Amino acid sequence: MKIARDFSELDCIRQLKLDDERAFDALFRYYSALVYRFAYSYLKSRVEAEETVQDCFLKIWEKRHELRADVPLKGYLFTIAHHAILNQLRRNQHHLRFQTHLATLVPGVATNSAEFSEMEALYLAALDRMPPKRRQIFILSRQQGLTYPEIAQQLNLSVKTVETQIMQSLKFLRAFFRAHGSEVLSLLLLLAVGTP
């Protein structure tokens, strides 16, 4: 499949449904620069824009058998990119909030990247010890910024179940941080993520 002027989305979709990797390569070469520029215009980070491009095309490959001829591939790709960008911006906002609260609680911590990295590593270790569903709910709430009703709808749960799981997550995290000698993180948890 050529990728210049004679690139055809319909042909590409047909070939992708047949697991044709050459069609995927052609699609990537045809649209990746556009997706990169789109992502970079929002994220202002080369690394994050490149990761967005990779994530988008990976999702296209994973969903290749579900692609529809009546849905423009370019539009579908940019819809995926749009969601990926929003998720990355939420993660960036969460990361910045986390670092800002640390700086408020512990003067100088924002300039001490090693100390910040240690605290973040402890936080990630705590997340890893949560039951998978509870961790998923907590991440959707606290890192991706979804509301309790949005999480409930996405995971097909009741809002009350989401609230209970968040409360149990917070209780576990406080105990984990205290057990690992991080009163700062325990206090930060109350200030930064203690409310819906």
Protein backbone atom coordinates (compact mmCIF):
# COMPACT_ATOMS: atom_id res chain seq x y z
CA MET A 1 0.00 0.00 0.00
CA LYS A 2 1.43 3.36 -1.04
CA ILE A 3 1.14 6.27 1.32
CA ALA A 4 1.32 9.32 -0.89
CA ARG A 5 -1.64 10.85 -2.72
CA ASP A 6 -3.24 7.49 -3.38
CA PHE A 7 -3.59 6.63 0.33
CA SER A 8 -7.12 5.37 0.86
CA GLU A 9 -8.69 5.12 4.30
CA LEU A 10 -11.19 2.52 3.06
CA ASP A 11 -8.42 0.31 1.68
CA CYS A 12 -6.46 0.83 4.88
CA ILE A 13 -9.41 -0.21 7.05
CA ARG A 14 -9.99 -3.33 4.92
CA GLN A 15 -6.34 -4.30 5.19
CA LEU A 16 -6.14 -3.58 8.93
CA LYS A 17 -9.11 -5.89 9.49
CA LEU A 18 -7.02 -8.57 7.76
CA ASP A 19 -4.16 -7.90 10.22
CA ASP A 20 -2.01 -6.37 7.50
CA GLU A 21 0.93 -4.72 9.27
CA ARG A 22 1.92 -2.91 6.08
CA ALA A 23 -1.41 -1.09 6.16
CA PHE A 24 -0.74 -0.14 9.77
CA ASP A 25 2.73 1.16 8.83
CA ALA A 26 1.21 3.17 5.99
CA LEU A 27 -1.41 4.62 8.33
CA PHE A 28 1.28 5.53 10.85
CA ARG A 29 3.45 7.24 8.24
CA TYR A 30 0.46 9.08 6.80
CA TYR A 31 -1.00 10.46 10.05
CA SER A 32 1.62 10.28 12.81
CA ALA A 33 3.11 13.73 12.14
CA LEU A 34 -0.37 15.30 12.23
CA VAL A 35 -1.24 13.54 15.47
CA TYR A 36 2.12 14.58 16.94
CA ARG A 37 1.55 18.26 16.07
CA PHE A 38 -1.97 18.08 17.47
CA ALA A 39 -0.74 16.54 20.74
CA TYR A 40 2.24 18.89 21.03
CA SER A 41 0.02 21.96 20.58
CA TYR A 42 -1.71 21.05 23.85
CA LEU A 43 0.97 19.24 25.83
CA LYS A 44 3.99 21.41 24.94
CA SER A 45 6.20 18.39 25.59
CA ARG A 46 8.00 16.40 22.90
CA VAL A 47 8.09 13.26 25.05
CA GLU A 48 4.40 13.43 26.00
CA ALA A 49 3.38 14.16 22.40
CA GLU A 50 5.39 11.16 21.17
CA GLU A 51 3.83 8.95 23.84
CA THR A 52 0.39 10.15 22.77
CA VAL A 53 1.13 9.23 19.16
CA GLN A 54 2.26 5.75 20.22
CA ASP A 55 -0.80 5.27 22.44
CA CYS A 56 -3.18 6.37 19.67
CA PHE A 57 -1.80 4.06 17.03
CA LEU A 58 -1.57 1.18 19.50
CA LYS A 59 -5.27 1.64 20.22
CA ILE A 60 -6.05 1.68 16.48
CA TRP A 61 -4.17 -1.61 16.08
CA GLU A 62 -5.91 -3.16 19.09
CA LYS A 63 -9.34 -2.08 17.76
CA ARG A 64 -8.61 -2.82 14.09
CA HIS A 65 -11.32 -5.49 13.81
CA GLU A 66 -13.92 -3.02 15.11
CA LEU A 67 -13.12 -0.25 12.60
CA ARG A 68 -16.09 0.81 10.47
CA ALA A 69 -15.96 1.92 6.87
CA ASP A 70 -18.55 4.65 7.55
CA VAL A 71 -16.43 6.29 10.27
CA PRO A 72 -13.51 8.33 8.91
CA LEU A 73 -10.27 6.85 10.18
CA LYS A 74 -8.68 10.27 10.56
CA GLY A 75 -11.58 11.47 12.72
CA TYR A 76 -11.47 8.33 14.84
CA LEU A 77 -7.71 8.70 15.29
CA PHE A 78 -8.03 12.33 16.38
CA THR A 79 -10.84 11.45 18.77
CA ILE A 80 -8.53 8.91 20.40
CA ALA A 81 -5.76 11.53 20.46
CA HIS A 82 -8.10 14.08 22.04
CA HIS A 83 -8.98 11.68 24.89
CA ALA A 84 -5.32 10.73 25.37
CA ILE A 85 -4.34 14.42 25.56
CA LEU A 86 -7.07 15.16 28.13
CA ASN A 87 -5.94 12.21 30.25
CA GLN A 88 -2.32 13.38 30.07
CA LEU A 89 -3.30 16.92 31.03
CA ARG A 90 -5.22 15.52 34.03
CA ARG A 91 -2.17 13.48 35.05
CA ASN A 92 0.04 16.56 34.68
CA GLN A 93 -2.38 18.61 36.78
CA HIS A 94 -2.45 15.90 39.45
CA HIS A 95 1.37 15.69 39.44
CA LEU A 96 1.65 19.47 39.74
CA ARG A 97 -0.93 19.56 42.57
CA PHE A 98 0.97 16.79 44.34
CA GLN A 99 4.28 18.65 44.03
CA THR A 100 2.72 22.00 45.00
CA HIS A 101 1.23 20.57 48.20
CA LEU A 102 4.55 18.95 49.03
CA ALA A 103 6.29 22.29 48.55
CA THR A 104 3.76 23.95 50.86
CA LEU A 105 4.19 21.32 53.56
CA VAL A 106 7.92 20.85 53.23
CA PRO A 107 9.74 24.01 52.13
CA GLY A 108 12.36 23.28 49.50
CA VAL A 109 10.92 19.93 48.44
CA ALA A 110 9.88 21.26 45.03
CA THR A 111 13.51 21.94 44.17
CA ASN A 112 14.69 18.63 45.59
CA SER A 113 13.78 16.24 42.81
CA ALA A 114 15.37 13.23 44.56
CA GLU A 115 13.20 13.74 47.65
CA PHE A 116 10.12 14.29 45.51
CA SER A 117 10.91 11.13 43.52
CA GLU A 118 11.23 9.12 46.75
CA MET A 119 7.84 10.32 47.95
CA GLU A 120 6.26 9.63 44.59
CA ALA A 121 7.82 6.15 44.53
CA LEU A 122 6.35 5.45 47.98
CA TYR A 123 2.95 6.60 46.71
CA LEU A 124 3.20 4.30 43.67
CA ALA A 125 4.29 1.39 45.89
CA ALA A 126 1.20 1.95 48.04
CA LEU A 127 -1.02 1.93 44.95
CA ASP A 128 0.52 -1.37 43.86
CA ARG A 129 -0.54 -2.98 47.14
CA MET A 130 -4.20 -2.10 46.69
CA PRO A 131 -6.67 -4.64 45.28
CA PRO A 132 -6.88 -4.08 41.49
CA LYS A 133 -10.46 -2.77 41.37
CA ARG A 134 -9.89 -0.40 44.30
CA ARG A 135 -6.67 0.87 42.70
CA GLN A 136 -8.48 1.41 39.40
CA ILE A 137 -11.23 3.42 41.10
CA PHE A 138 -8.73 5.50 43.06
CA ILE A 139 -6.64 6.28 39.96
CA LEU A 140 -9.71 7.24 37.94
CA SER A 141 -10.71 9.62 40.74
CA ARG A 142 -7.44 11.08 41.92
CA GLN A 143 -5.16 10.91 38.90
CA GLN A 144 -7.59 11.21 36.01
CA GLY A 145 -9.99 13.58 37.74
CA LEU A 146 -13.21 11.67 37.10
CA THR A 147 -16.16 12.30 39.40
CA TYR A 148 -17.74 9.50 41.42
CA PRO A 149 -20.76 9.28 39.05
CA GLU A 150 -18.43 9.17 36.01
CA ILE A 151 -16.43 6.33 37.58
CA ALA A 152 -19.60 4.48 38.54
CA GLN A 153 -20.90 4.73 34.99
CA GLN A 154 -17.58 3.74 33.41
CA LEU A 155 -17.11 0.69 35.65
CA ASN A 156 -20.80 -0.21 35.92
CA LEU A 157 -20.86 0.27 39.68
CA SER A 158 -23.05 2.23 42.08
CA VAL A 159 -21.86 5.66 43.23
CA LYS A 160 -22.00 4.33 46.80
CA THR A 161 -19.57 1.52 45.88
CA VAL A 162 -17.19 4.08 44.39
CA GLU A 163 -17.41 6.25 47.53
CA THR A 164 -16.74 3.24 49.76
CA GLN A 165 -13.75 2.16 47.68
CA ILE A 166 -12.27 5.68 47.76
CA MET A 167 -12.69 5.86 51.56
CA GLN A 168 -11.00 2.47 51.95
CA SER A 169 -8.21 3.60 49.63
CA LEU A 170 -7.57 6.73 51.67
CA LYS A 171 -7.57 4.78 54.92
CA PHE A 172 -5.11 2.26 53.49
CA LEU A 173 -2.81 4.96 52.09
CA ARG A 174 -2.68 6.87 55.38
CA ALA A 175 -1.75 3.69 57.25
CA PHE A 176 0.81 2.73 54.60
CA PHE A 177 2.52 6.13 54.67
CA ARG A 178 2.66 6.17 58.46
CA ALA A 179 4.07 2.63 58.51
CA HIS A 180 6.81 3.74 56.13
CA GLY A 181 7.70 6.80 58.18
CA SER A 182 6.15 9.38 55.91
CA GLU A 183 3.94 11.62 58.00
CA VAL A 184 4.41 14.24 55.28
CA LEU A 185 2.69 12.03 52.71
CA SER A 186 0.02 11.08 55.20
CA LEU A 187 -0.74 14.74 55.84
CA LEU A 188 -0.49 15.54 52.14
CA LEU A 189 -3.04 12.84 51.41
CA LEU A 190 -5.53 14.58 53.68
CA LEU A 191 -4.89 17.95 52.08
CA ALA A 192 -4.49 17.01 48.45
CA VAL A 193 -6.82 14.10 47.82
CA GLY A 194 -9.05 13.85 50.85
CA THR A 195 -12.16 15.13 49.10
CA PRO A 196 -14.09 13.90 46.03
